[in-house]
Amino acid sequence: MLELALNSVECQPTDISRLLGGLQAAEVGVGGVKRSNFLAAVTAGAAAVGAAPASSQPEQVLFERLESAPYPHPSRAAGHVYEGRLFDAAGHYSDSTVAIAVPPGFVQRGSVDLIVHFHGWNNNVRAVLDRYQLVSQLAGSRANAILVVPQGPRDAPDSGFGKLELDDGGFARCVDEVLKVLRTRGVTHASASLGNVVLTAHSGGYGGAGGVLTRGGLNAHISDVVLFDAAYGYYDAFANWAKAARRNHLLSIFTGDTSTGNTALMGMLQSTHPNLFVWLSAAMTRARLHTRAATFILTTDVAHDELLQKYRWYELFLGSTALAPRA
């Protein structure tokens, strides 16, 4: 069995690149179990064990136009040029939609937990919810939390997230506006306060998550950051947040696309006392995910754009966060 936990093996930053190379070459199976069989079992388990109980209350998905949404924003008033093509403001940076998904069986409590997801390039919120099955995966996770997906660059190759990335306190204002919508719609109690916040980011969504951690104004509420092949930048922001409090949990699953960025994060996070885990995806278990130490997971046979949904890893990872369950 190939298992590597960096909390039991001390590694210097220069060791991690060689370590990742060895992991990638060795990712063939666990304990004699074929990788394909293992992942099929994980998927089946997520569907059976993680499935939300039947409820007379269906999920509710709202599409709200919020003033505090990422766009429009001065940073993209003239649009954005990528590889010689102009993505104009009217078509790509004027949509102020924020999707808000309430899972079936959501329980009103004194505080409300939020999951805020930052999408990647060339996408829009409705396509993101559909392609990555985020609403059903939220339901399956049993987290008593509400999913918020702000529209970033609409169908454009861009990692900028406008107000949420660049404005001091921009994230706090957006969350406040979302909470007002929830109270007005009767989803939460009128007096409900903000509880834990989990940030998730896929690919180019790192810009939104990194900006939020840098200047969003709500770091005291952020309990978990989950990156899906999203270590392209903002390394200081992710590392500094992860080191700021013992409760802060960084989980990053990655392919070869972001191996360099994840190696950089590992080097920034390790201390004189080893304090992080590195696993192959085939060695990933629910028990191993339930840790507050930084966790990095390498996969070599799941495509960049299938990380969230192919094996329902979004659902699995939400179940390992500090979010309270519905039951």
C-alpha atoms as a PDB file:
ATOM      1  CA  MET A   1       0.000   0.000   0.000  1.00  0.00           C
ATOM      2  CA  LEU A   2       1.286   3.415  -0.918  1.00  0.00           C
ATOM      3  CA  GLU A   3       0.368   5.957   1.707  1.00  0.00           C
ATOM      4  CA  LEU A   4       2.197   9.170   2.392  1.00  0.00           C
ATOM      5  CA  ALA A   5       1.298  11.555   5.170  1.00  0.00           C
ATOM      6  CA  LEU A   6       3.592  14.507   5.606  1.00  0.00           C
ATOM      7  CA  ASN A   7       2.631  14.792   9.245  1.00  0.00           C
ATOM      8  CA  SER A   8       4.624  11.636   9.826  1.00  0.00           C
ATOM      9  CA  VAL A   9       7.424  12.232   7.333  1.00  0.00           C
ATOM     10  CA  GLU A  10       9.409  15.452   7.473  1.00  0.00           C
ATOM     11  CA  CYS A  11      10.046  17.019   4.075  1.00  0.00           C
ATOM     12  CA  GLN A  12      11.944  20.122   3.148  1.00  0.00           C
ATOM     13  CA  PRO A  13      10.374  22.319   0.426  1.00  0.00           C
ATOM     14  CA  THR A  14      12.861  21.034  -2.151  1.00  0.00           C
ATOM     15  CA  ASP A  15      11.798  17.464  -1.351  1.00  0.00           C
ATOM     16  CA  ILE A  16       8.166  17.992  -2.284  1.00  0.00           C
ATOM     17  CA  SER A  17       8.657  18.263  -6.054  1.00  0.00           C
ATOM     18  CA  ARG A  18      10.479  14.909  -6.090  1.00  0.00           C
ATOM     19  CA  LEU A  19       7.818  13.477  -3.794  1.00  0.00           C
ATOM     20  CA  LEU A  20       5.015  14.498  -6.169  1.00  0.00           C
ATOM     21  CA  GLY A  21       6.831  12.953  -9.090  1.00  0.00           C
ATOM     22  CA  GLY A  22       7.050   9.684  -7.210  1.00  0.00           C
ATOM     23  CA  LEU A  23       3.394   9.818  -6.253  1.00  0.00           C
ATOM     24  CA  GLN A  24       2.305  10.450  -9.813  1.00  0.00           C
ATOM     25  CA  ALA A  25       4.343   7.544 -11.107  1.00  0.00           C
ATOM     26  CA  ALA A  26       3.042   5.228  -8.387  1.00  0.00           C
ATOM     27  CA  GLU A  27      -0.677   6.011  -8.569  1.00  0.00           C
ATOM     28  CA  VAL A  28      -1.886   2.591  -9.619  1.00  0.00           C
ATOM     29  CA  GLY A  29      -3.919   1.258  -6.717  1.00  0.00           C
ATOM     30  CA  VAL A  30      -4.280   0.834  -2.991  1.00  0.00           C
ATOM     31  CA  GLY A  31      -3.561  -2.317  -1.059  1.00  0.00           C
ATOM     32  CA  GLY A  32      -3.942  -4.488  -4.146  1.00  0.00           C
ATOM     33  CA  VAL A  33      -7.351  -3.018  -4.963  1.00  0.00           C
ATOM     34  CA  LYS A  34      -7.709  -1.752  -8.499  1.00  0.00           C
ATOM     35  CA  ARG A  35      -8.068   2.022  -8.615  1.00  0.00           C
ATOM     36  CA  SER A  36     -11.171   1.862 -10.797  1.00  0.00           C
ATOM     37  CA  ASN A  37     -12.873  -0.471  -8.298  1.00  0.00           C
ATOM     38  CA  PHE A  38     -11.924   1.767  -5.389  1.00  0.00           C
ATOM     39  CA  LEU A  39     -13.323   4.896  -7.016  1.00  0.00           C
ATOM     40  CA  ALA A  40     -16.492   3.099  -8.040  1.00  0.00           C
ATOM     41  CA  ALA A  41     -16.969   2.099  -4.402  1.00  0.00           C
ATOM     42  CA  VAL A  42     -16.425   5.666  -3.250  1.00  0.00           C
ATOM     43  CA  THR A  43     -19.006   6.890  -5.756  1.00  0.00           C
ATOM     44  CA  ALA A  44     -21.530   4.274  -4.673  1.00  0.00           C
ATOM     45  CA  GLY A  45     -20.888   5.089  -1.048  1.00  0.00           C
ATOM     46  CA  ALA A  46     -21.459   8.767  -1.628  1.00  0.00           C
ATOM     47  CA  ALA A  47     -24.761   8.026  -3.298  1.00  0.00           C
ATOM     48  CA  ALA A  48     -25.940   5.605  -0.623  1.00  0.00           C
ATOM     49  CA  VAL A  49     -24.416   6.903   2.594  1.00  0.00           C
ATOM     50  CA  GLY A  50     -24.328  10.575   1.730  1.00  0.00           C
ATOM     51  CA  ALA A  51     -27.777  10.790   0.188  1.00  0.00           C
ATOM     52  CA  ALA A  52     -30.053  13.255   1.918  1.00  0.00           C
ATOM     53  CA  PRO A  53     -33.140  11.833   3.628  1.00  0.00           C
ATOM     54  CA  ALA A  54     -36.436  12.194   1.843  1.00  0.00           C
ATOM     55  CA  SER A  55     -38.119  15.503   2.561  1.00  0.00           C
ATOM     56  CA  SER A  56     -41.394  17.116   1.591  1.00  0.00           C
ATOM     57  CA  GLN A  57     -39.395  20.316   1.085  1.00  0.00           C
ATOM     58  CA  PRO A  58     -37.664  20.279  -2.323  1.00  0.00           C
ATOM     59  CA  GLU A  59     -34.499  22.172  -2.980  1.00  0.00           C
ATOM     60  CA  GLN A  60     -34.963  25.821  -3.778  1.00  0.00           C
ATOM     61  CA  VAL A  61     -32.726  27.664  -6.212  1.00  0.00           C
ATOM     62  CA  LEU A  62     -32.930  31.442  -6.439  1.00  0.00           C
ATOM     63  CA  PHE A  63     -31.283  33.601  -9.082  1.00  0.00           C
ATOM     64  CA  GLU A  64     -30.950  37.068  -7.605  1.00  0.00           C
ATOM     65  CA  ARG A  65     -29.568  40.278  -9.075  1.00  0.00           C
ATOM     66  CA  LEU A  66     -27.446  41.742  -6.302  1.00  0.00           C
ATOM     67  CA  GLU A  67     -25.772  45.118  -6.144  1.00  0.00           C
ATOM     68  CA  SER A  68     -22.825  43.505  -4.343  1.00  0.00           C
ATOM     69  CA  ALA A  69     -22.261  40.850  -7.033  1.00  0.00           C
ATOM     70  CA  PRO A  70     -18.793  40.779  -8.631  1.00  0.00           C
ATOM     71  CA  TYR A  71     -19.885  42.677 -11.729  1.00  0.00           C
ATOM     72  CA  PRO A  72     -20.234  45.275 -13.057  1.00  0.00           C
ATOM     73  CA  HIS A  73     -16.929  46.646 -11.712  1.00  0.00           C
ATOM     74  CA  PRO A  74     -14.473  49.339 -12.839  1.00  0.00           C
ATOM     75  CA  SER A  75     -11.744  46.724 -13.355  1.00  0.00           C
ATOM     76  CA  ARG A  76     -13.622  45.448 -16.413  1.00  0.00           C
ATOM     77  CA  ALA A  77     -15.371  48.618 -17.571  1.00  0.00           C
ATOM     78  CA  ALA A  78     -13.482  48.319 -20.865  1.00  0.00           C
ATOM     79  CA  GLY A  79     -13.852  44.555 -21.002  1.00  0.00           C
ATOM     80  CA  HIS A  80     -10.964  42.108 -21.040  1.00  0.00           C
ATOM     81  CA  VAL A  81      -8.606  41.084 -23.819  1.00  0.00           C
ATOM     82  CA  TYR A  82      -7.406  37.484 -23.998  1.00  0.00           C
ATOM     83  CA  GLU A  83      -5.219  36.196 -26.824  1.00  0.00           C
ATOM     84  CA  GLY A  84      -6.159  39.159 -28.963  1.00  0.00           C
ATOM     85  CA  ARG A  85      -9.912  38.825 -28.497  1.00  0.00           C
ATOM     86  CA  LEU A  86     -11.973  41.420 -26.658  1.00  0.00           C
ATOM     87  CA  PHE A  87     -14.574  40.161 -24.193  1.00  0.00           C
ATOM     88  CA  ASP A  88     -16.662  43.292 -23.815  1.00  0.00           C
ATOM     89  CA  ALA A  89     -18.239  44.577 -20.613  1.00  0.00           C
ATOM     90  CA  ALA A  90     -21.795  44.410 -21.927  1.00  0.00           C
ATOM     91  CA  GLY A  91     -21.655  40.739 -22.811  1.00  0.00           C
ATOM     92  CA  HIS A  92     -19.331  39.385 -20.144  1.00  0.00           C
ATOM     93  CA  TYR A  93     -19.063  41.777 -17.180  1.00  0.00           C
ATOM     94  CA  SER A  94     -22.547  43.143 -16.571  1.00  0.00           C
ATOM     95  CA  ASP A  95     -24.378  40.125 -15.163  1.00  0.00           C
ATOM     96  CA  SER A  96     -25.019  40.640 -11.430  1.00  0.00           C
ATOM     97  CA  THR A  97     -26.659  37.254 -10.909  1.00  0.00           C
ATOM     98  CA  VAL A  98     -25.965  35.348  -7.705  1.00  0.00           C
ATOM     99  CA  ALA A  99     -27.395  31.829  -7.475  1.00  0.00           C
ATOM    100  CA  ILE A 100     -28.585  30.779  -4.010  1.00  0.00           C
ATOM    101  CA  ALA A 101     -29.421  27.091  -3.485  1.00  0.00           C
ATOM    102  CA  VAL A 102     -31.256  25.829  -0.411  1.00  0.00           C
ATOM    103  CA  PRO A 103     -31.005  22.042   0.078  1.00  0.00           C
ATOM    104  CA  PRO A 104     -34.058  19.876   0.778  1.00  0.00           C
ATOM    105  CA  GLY A 105     -34.705  19.526   4.487  1.00  0.00           C
ATOM    106  CA  PHE A 106     -32.802  22.690   5.391  1.00  0.00           C
ATOM    107  CA  VAL A 107     -33.226  23.377   9.109  1.00  0.00           C
ATOM    108  CA  GLN A 108     -33.609  26.934  10.354  1.00  0.00           C
ATOM    109  CA  ARG A 109     -31.249  27.652  13.222  1.00  0.00           C
ATOM    110  CA  GLY A 110     -29.850  30.642  15.053  1.00  0.00           C
ATOM    111  CA  SER A 111     -27.039  30.974  12.546  1.00  0.00           C
ATOM    112  CA  VAL A 112     -26.734  30.051   8.890  1.00  0.00           C
ATOM    113  CA  ASP A 113     -23.727  28.404   7.257  1.00  0.00           C
ATOM    114  CA  LEU A 114     -22.821  29.293   3.686  1.00  0.00           C
ATOM    115  CA  ILE A 115     -20.851  27.600   0.917  1.00  0.00           C
ATOM    116  CA  VAL A 116     -19.604  30.135  -1.626  1.00  0.00           C
ATOM    117  CA  HIS A 117     -18.396  28.646  -4.901  1.00  0.00           C
ATOM    118  CA  PHE A 118     -16.196  30.477  -7.406  1.00  0.00           C
ATOM    119  CA  HIS A 119     -16.472  29.084 -10.928  1.00  0.00           C
ATOM    120  CA  GLY A 120     -13.745  28.785 -13.521  1.00  0.00           C
ATOM    121  CA  TRP A 121     -13.240  30.197 -17.000  1.00  0.00           C
ATOM    122  CA  ASN A 122     -15.850  30.338 -19.763  1.00  0.00           C
ATOM    123  CA  ASN A 123     -18.843  29.681 -17.555  1.00  0.00           C
ATOM    124  CA  ASN A 124     -22.048  31.072 -16.083  1.00  0.00           C
ATOM    125  CA  VAL A 125     -23.919  30.219 -12.914  1.00  0.00           C
ATOM    126  CA  ARG A 126     -26.730  28.208 -14.482  1.00  0.00           C
ATOM    127  CA  ALA A 127     -24.288  26.093 -16.485  1.00  0.00           C
ATOM    128  CA  VAL A 128     -22.107  25.624 -13.402  1.00  0.00           C
ATOM    129  CA  LEU A 129     -24.995  24.340 -11.283  1.00  0.00           C
ATOM    130  CA  ASP A 130     -26.002  21.940 -14.042  1.00  0.00           C
ATOM    131  CA  ARG A 131     -22.652  20.622 -15.288  1.00  0.00           C
ATOM    132  CA  TYR A 132     -21.097  20.060 -11.878  1.00  0.00           C
ATOM    133  CA  GLN A 133     -24.318  18.870 -10.200  1.00  0.00           C
ATOM    134  CA  LEU A 134     -23.740  21.236  -7.308  1.00  0.00           C
ATOM    135  CA  VAL A 135     -27.283  21.288  -5.946  1.00  0.00           C
ATOM    136  CA  SER A 136     -27.648  17.506  -5.806  1.00  0.00           C
ATOM    137  CA  GLN A 137     -24.163  17.191  -4.323  1.00  0.00           C
ATOM    138  CA  LEU A 138     -25.043  19.746  -1.652  1.00  0.00           C
ATOM    139  CA  ALA A 139     -28.121  17.681  -0.831  1.00  0.00           C
ATOM    140  CA  GLY A 140     -26.096  14.477  -0.720  1.00  0.00           C
ATOM    141  CA  SER A 141     -23.518  15.963   1.641  1.00  0.00           C
ATOM    142  CA  ARG A 142     -26.199  16.481   4.318  1.00  0.00           C
ATOM    143  CA  ALA A 143     -24.644  19.829   5.159  1.00  0.00           C
ATOM    144  CA  ASN A 144     -27.186  22.215   6.659  1.00  0.00           C
ATOM    145  CA  ALA A 145     -25.800  25.020   4.571  1.00  0.00           C
ATOM    146  CA  ILE A 146     -26.841  27.247   1.693  1.00  0.00           C
ATOM    147  CA  LEU A 147     -24.861  27.318  -1.532  1.00  0.00           C
ATOM    148  CA  VAL A 148     -24.043  30.694  -3.075  1.00  0.00           C
ATOM    149  CA  VAL A 149     -22.586  30.936  -6.596  1.00  0.00           C
ATOM    150  CA  PRO A 150     -21.794  34.499  -7.713  1.00  0.00           C
ATOM    151  CA  GLN A 151     -21.479  35.168 -11.419  1.00  0.00           C
ATOM    152  CA  GLY A 152     -17.889  36.034 -12.228  1.00  0.00           C
ATOM    153  CA  PRO A 153     -16.723  36.702 -15.790  1.00  0.00           C
ATOM    154  CA  ARG A 154     -19.619  35.411 -17.873  1.00  0.00           C
ATOM    155  CA  ASP A 155     -18.480  32.931 -20.518  1.00  0.00           C
ATOM    156  CA  ALA A 156     -15.029  34.521 -20.625  1.00  0.00           C
ATOM    157  CA  PRO A 157     -11.455  33.247 -20.063  1.00  0.00           C
ATOM    158  CA  ASP A 158     -10.779  35.335 -16.983  1.00  0.00           C
ATOM    159  CA  SER A 159     -10.100  34.747 -13.264  1.00  0.00           C
ATOM    160  CA  GLY A 160     -11.144  38.219 -12.088  1.00  0.00           C
ATOM    161  CA  PHE A 161     -14.012  38.507  -9.618  1.00  0.00           C
ATOM    162  CA  GLY A 162     -14.552  42.242  -9.507  1.00  0.00           C
ATOM    163  CA  LYS A 163     -15.991  43.506  -6.215  1.00  0.00           C
ATOM    164  CA  LEU A 164     -15.433  40.232  -4.385  1.00  0.00           C
ATOM    165  CA  GLU A 165     -11.787  40.046  -5.369  1.00  0.00           C
ATOM    166  CA  LEU A 166     -10.664  43.669  -5.427  1.00  0.00           C
ATOM    167  CA  ASP A 167     -12.850  45.753  -3.080  1.00  0.00           C
ATOM    168  CA  ASP A 168     -12.100  45.960   0.636  1.00  0.00           C
ATOM    169  CA  GLY A 169     -15.046  44.387   2.443  1.00  0.00           C
ATOM    170  CA  GLY A 170     -16.684  43.442  -0.855  1.00  0.00           C
ATOM    171  CA  PHE A 171     -17.285  39.863   0.218  1.00  0.00           C
ATOM    172  CA  ALA A 172     -18.800  40.944   3.543  1.00  0.00           C
ATOM    173  CA  ARG A 173     -21.243  43.209   1.693  1.00  0.00           C
ATOM    174  CA  CYS A 174     -22.228  40.386  -0.670  1.00  0.00           C
ATOM    175  CA  VAL A 175     -22.820  37.953   2.178  1.00  0.00           C
ATOM    176  CA  ASP A 176     -24.883  40.561   4.019  1.00  0.00           C
ATOM    177  CA  GLU A 177     -27.054  41.043   0.939  1.00  0.00           C
ATOM    178  CA  VAL A 178     -27.478  37.272   0.544  1.00  0.00           C
ATOM    179  CA  LEU A 179     -28.566  36.979   4.188  1.00  0.00           C
ATOM    180  CA  LYS A 180     -31.137  39.730   3.633  1.00  0.00           C
ATOM    181  CA  VAL A 181     -32.569  37.786   0.681  1.00  0.00           C
ATOM    182  CA  LEU A 182     -32.791  34.631   2.794  1.00  0.00           C
ATOM    183  CA  ARG A 183     -34.575  36.445   5.630  1.00  0.00           C
ATOM    184  CA  THR A 184     -36.968  38.156   3.229  1.00  0.00           C
ATOM    185  CA  ARG A 185     -37.829  34.845   1.546  1.00  0.00           C
ATOM    186  CA  GLY A 186     -38.379  33.168   4.923  1.00  0.00           C
ATOM    187  CA  VAL A 187     -35.573  30.672   4.328  1.00  0.00           C
ATOM    188  CA  THR A 188     -33.909  31.678   7.605  1.00  0.00           C
ATOM    189  CA  HIS A 189     -35.100  33.292  10.808  1.00  0.00           C
ATOM    190  CA  ALA A 190     -35.224  37.073  10.747  1.00  0.00           C
ATOM    191  CA  SER A 191     -32.599  37.131  13.491  1.00  0.00           C
ATOM    192  CA  ALA A 192     -30.325  34.459  12.000  1.00  0.00           C
ATOM    193  CA  SER A 193     -26.653  35.430  12.085  1.00  0.00           C
ATOM    194  CA  LEU A 194     -23.783  34.260   9.912  1.00  0.00           C
ATOM    195  CA  GLY A 195     -22.180  30.977  10.950  1.00  0.00           C
ATOM    196  CA  ASN A 196     -19.360  29.162   9.173  1.00  0.00           C
ATOM    197  CA  VAL A 197     -18.421  29.972   5.596  1.00  0.00           C
ATOM    198  CA  VAL A 198     -16.804  27.449   3.263  1.00  0.00           C
ATOM    199  CA  LEU A 199     -15.117  28.712   0.109  1.00  0.00           C
ATOM    200  CA  THR A 200     -14.855  26.366  -2.860  1.00  0.00           C
ATOM    201  CA  ALA A 201     -13.099  27.243  -6.103  1.00  0.00           C
ATOM    202  CA  HIS A 202     -12.607  25.449  -9.385  1.00  0.00           C
ATOM    203  CA  SER A 203      -9.788  26.361 -11.754  1.00  0.00           C
ATOM    204  CA  GLY A 204      -9.840  30.111 -12.452  1.00  0.00           C
ATOM    205  CA  GLY A 205     -12.133  30.599  -9.462  1.00  0.00           C
ATOM    206  CA  TYR A 206      -8.951  30.971  -7.429  1.00  0.00           C
ATOM    207  CA  GLY A 207      -9.106  34.710  -8.151  1.00  0.00           C
ATOM    208  CA  GLY A 208     -12.354  35.083  -6.247  1.00  0.00           C
ATOM    209  CA  ALA A 209     -11.325  32.875  -3.335  1.00  0.00           C
ATOM    210  CA  GLY A 210      -7.883  34.459  -3.038  1.00  0.00           C
ATOM    211  CA  GLY A 211      -9.305  37.965  -3.135  1.00  0.00           C
ATOM    212  CA  VAL A 212     -11.869  37.113  -0.464  1.00  0.00           C
ATOM    213  CA  LEU A 213      -9.132  35.833   1.851  1.00  0.00           C
ATOM    214  CA  THR A 214      -7.034  38.925   1.168  1.00  0.00           C
ATOM    215  CA  ARG A 215      -9.567  41.691   1.724  1.00  0.00           C
ATOM    216  CA  GLY A 216     -13.085  40.256   1.955  1.00  0.00           C
ATOM    217  CA  GLY A 217     -13.614  41.119   5.612  1.00  0.00           C
ATOM    218  CA  LEU A 218     -15.010  37.780   6.830  1.00  0.00           C
ATOM    219  CA  ASN A 219     -11.961  35.602   7.473  1.00  0.00           C
ATOM    220  CA  ALA A 220     -13.064  34.965  11.061  1.00  0.00           C
ATOM    221  CA  HIS A 221     -16.085  33.086   9.665  1.00  0.00           C
ATOM    222  CA  ILE A 222     -14.249  31.101   6.975  1.00  0.00           C
ATOM    223  CA  SER A 223     -13.635  27.590   8.307  1.00  0.00           C
ATOM    224  CA  ASP A 224     -12.657  25.743   5.127  1.00  0.00           C
ATOM    225  CA  VAL A 225     -11.230  26.455   1.695  1.00  0.00           C
ATOM    226  CA  VAL A 226     -11.553  23.692  -0.903  1.00  0.00           C
ATOM    227  CA  LEU A 227      -9.623  24.051  -4.160  1.00  0.00           C
ATOM    228  CA  PHE A 228     -10.372  21.958  -7.242  1.00  0.00           C
ATOM    229  CA  ASP A 229      -7.267  22.322  -9.422  1.00  0.00           C
ATOM    230  CA  ALA A 230      -7.256  26.006  -8.510  1.00  0.00           C
ATOM    231  CA  ALA A 231      -3.737  26.713  -7.205  1.00  0.00           C
ATOM    232  CA  TYR A 232      -2.824  29.160  -9.961  1.00  0.00           C
ATOM    233  CA  GLY A 233      -2.099  32.165  -7.770  1.00  0.00           C
ATOM    234  CA  TYR A 234      -2.808  33.982  -4.501  1.00  0.00           C
ATOM    235  CA  TYR A 235      -0.466  31.523  -2.770  1.00  0.00           C
ATOM    236  CA  ASP A 236       0.251  33.945   0.082  1.00  0.00           C
ATOM    237  CA  ALA A 237      -3.458  34.454   0.694  1.00  0.00           C
ATOM    238  CA  PHE A 238      -4.205  30.733   0.911  1.00  0.00           C
ATOM    239  CA  ALA A 239      -1.136  29.918   3.007  1.00  0.00           C
ATOM    240  CA  ASN A 240      -1.516  32.848   5.401  1.00  0.00           C
ATOM    241  CA  TRP A 241      -5.170  32.044   6.001  1.00  0.00           C
ATOM    242  CA  ALA A 242      -4.423  28.345   6.590  1.00  0.00           C
ATOM    243  CA  LYS A 243      -1.724  29.225   9.134  1.00  0.00           C
ATOM    244  CA  ALA A 244      -3.752  31.906  10.913  1.00  0.00           C
ATOM    245  CA  ALA A 245      -5.826  29.547  13.084  1.00  0.00           C
ATOM    246  CA  ARG A 246      -5.846  25.849  13.892  1.00  0.00           C
ATOM    247  CA  ARG A 247      -9.489  25.567  12.831  1.00  0.00           C
ATOM    248  CA  ASN A 248      -8.741  26.783   9.300  1.00  0.00           C
ATOM    249  CA  HIS A 249      -8.697  23.846   6.902  1.00  0.00           C
ATOM    250  CA  LEU A 250      -7.265  23.974   3.393  1.00  0.00           C
ATOM    251  CA  LEU A 251      -8.092  21.039   1.102  1.00  0.00           C
ATOM    252  CA  SER A 252      -6.684  21.010  -2.430  1.00  0.00           C
ATOM    253  CA  ILE A 253      -7.235  18.310  -5.030  1.00  0.00           C
ATOM    254  CA  PHE A 254      -5.141  18.698  -8.144  1.00  0.00           C
ATOM    255  CA  THR A 255      -3.988  17.306 -11.457  1.00  0.00           C
ATOM    256  CA  GLY A 256      -0.756  17.967 -13.278  1.00  0.00           C
ATOM    257  CA  ASP A 257      -2.193  21.338 -14.340  1.00  0.00           C
ATOM    258  CA  THR A 258      -1.567  22.836 -10.896  1.00  0.00           C
ATOM    259  CA  SER A 259       1.177  20.592  -9.510  1.00  0.00           C
ATOM    260  CA  THR A 260       3.601  23.532  -9.417  1.00  0.00           C
ATOM    261  CA  GLY A 261       1.171  25.755  -7.530  1.00  0.00           C
ATOM    262  CA  ASN A 262       0.287  23.045  -5.055  1.00  0.00           C
ATOM    263  CA  THR A 263       3.961  22.296  -4.471  1.00  0.00           C
ATOM    264  CA  ALA A 264       4.482  25.985  -3.717  1.00  0.00           C
ATOM    265  CA  LEU A 265       1.621  25.918  -1.212  1.00  0.00           C
ATOM    266  CA  MET A 266       3.035  22.840   0.502  1.00  0.00           C
ATOM    267  CA  GLY A 267       6.396  24.531   0.861  1.00  0.00           C
ATOM    268  CA  MET A 268       4.784  27.650   2.330  1.00  0.00           C
ATOM    269  CA  LEU A 269       2.678  25.682   4.787  1.00  0.00           C
ATOM    270  CA  GLN A 270       5.109  23.168   6.193  1.00  0.00           C
ATOM    271  CA  SER A 271       6.715  24.096   9.489  1.00  0.00           C
ATOM    272  CA  THR A 272       9.515  22.714  11.621  1.00  0.00           C
ATOM    273  CA  HIS A 273       6.883  20.274  12.894  1.00  0.00           C
ATOM    274  CA  PRO A 274       5.312  18.566   9.849  1.00  0.00           C
ATOM    275  CA  ASN A 275       1.712  19.669   9.626  1.00  0.00           C
ATOM    276  CA  LEU A 276       0.162  18.612   6.338  1.00  0.00           C
ATOM    277  CA  PHE A 277      -1.003  15.534   4.453  1.00  0.00           C
ATOM    278  CA  VAL A 278      -0.411  14.516   0.841  1.00  0.00           C
ATOM    279  CA  TRP A 279      -2.484  11.637  -0.523  1.00  0.00           C
ATOM    280  CA  LEU A 280      -3.097   9.935  -3.806  1.00  0.00           C
ATOM    281  CA  SER A 281      -6.785  10.127  -4.677  1.00  0.00           C
ATOM    282  CA  ALA A 282      -6.917   6.322  -4.570  1.00  0.00           C
ATOM    283  CA  ALA A 283      -5.820   6.430  -0.923  1.00  0.00           C
ATOM    284  CA  MET A 284      -8.416   9.032   0.001  1.00  0.00           C
ATOM    285  CA  THR A 285     -10.969   7.937   2.599  1.00  0.00           C
ATOM    286  CA  ARG A 286     -13.615   9.751   4.594  1.00  0.00           C
ATOM    287  CA  ALA A 287     -11.607   9.217   7.761  1.00  0.00           C
ATOM    288  CA  ARG A 288      -8.476  10.730   6.239  1.00  0.00           C
ATOM    289  CA  LEU A 289     -10.423  13.751   5.044  1.00  0.00           C
ATOM    290  CA  HIS A 290     -11.661  14.490   8.556  1.00  0.00           C
ATOM    291  CA  THR A 291      -8.680  16.507   9.692  1.00  0.00           C
ATOM    292  CA  ARG A 292      -8.028  20.192  10.186  1.00  0.00           C
ATOM    293  CA  ALA A 293      -4.475  19.860   8.858  1.00  0.00           C
ATOM    294  CA  ALA A 294      -3.888  21.094   5.322  1.00  0.00           C
ATOM    295  CA  THR A 295      -4.568  18.252   2.892  1.00  0.00           C
ATOM    296  CA  PHE A 296      -3.387  17.848  -0.702  1.00  0.00           C
ATOM    297  CA  ILE A 297      -4.720  15.131  -3.007  1.00  0.00           C
ATOM    298  CA  LEU A 298      -3.141  14.233  -6.333  1.00  0.00           C
ATOM    299  CA  THR A 299      -5.143  12.567  -9.091  1.00  0.00           C
ATOM    300  CA  THR A 300      -3.727  11.538 -12.449  1.00  0.00           C
ATOM    301  CA  ASP A 301      -6.741  10.035 -14.224  1.00  0.00           C
ATOM    302  CA  VAL A 302      -9.573  12.504 -13.582  1.00  0.00           C
ATOM    303  CA  ALA A 303      -9.710  15.417 -15.994  1.00  0.00           C
ATOM    304  CA  HIS A 304      -9.460  19.013 -14.816  1.00  0.00           C
ATOM    305  CA  ASP A 305     -13.097  19.733 -15.705  1.00  0.00           C
ATOM    306  CA  GLU A 306     -14.438  16.533 -14.102  1.00  0.00           C
ATOM    307  CA  LEU A 307     -12.971  16.872 -10.618  1.00  0.00           C
ATOM    308  CA  LEU A 308     -16.150  18.083  -8.967  1.00  0.00           C
ATOM    309  CA  GLN A 309     -18.696  15.724 -10.480  1.00  0.00           C
ATOM    310  CA  LYS A 310     -17.175  12.534 -11.918  1.00  0.00           C
ATOM    311  CA  TYR A 311     -16.939  10.806  -8.523  1.00  0.00           C
ATOM    312  CA  ARG A 312     -19.043  13.401  -6.666  1.00  0.00           C
ATOM    313  CA  TRP A 313     -15.986  14.696  -4.852  1.00  0.00           C
ATOM    314  CA  TYR A 314     -17.705  18.029  -4.235  1.00  0.00           C
ATOM    315  CA  GLU A 315     -20.245  16.182  -2.100  1.00  0.00           C
ATOM    316  CA  LEU A 316     -17.552  14.122  -0.401  1.00  0.00           C
ATOM    317  CA  PHE A 317     -15.408  17.123   0.468  1.00  0.00           C
ATOM    318  CA  LEU A 318     -18.327  19.168   1.820  1.00  0.00           C
ATOM    319  CA  GLY A 319     -18.908  16.314   4.250  1.00  0.00           C
ATOM    320  CA  SER A 320     -15.406  16.800   5.645  1.00  0.00           C
ATOM    321  CA  THR A 321     -15.808  20.497   6.447  1.00  0.00           C
ATOM    322  CA  ALA A 322     -16.903  22.232   9.646  1.00  0.00           C
ATOM    323  CA  LEU A 323     -20.445  22.599   8.303  1.00  0.00           C
ATOM    324  CA  ALA A 324     -23.119  21.261  10.644  1.00  0.00           C
ATOM    325  CA  PRO A 325     -25.267  18.401   9.302  1.00  0.00           C
ATOM    326  CA  ARG A 326     -29.008  18.728   8.675  1.00  0.00           C
ATOM    327  CA  ALA A 327     -29.855  15.865  11.006  1.00  0.00           C
END
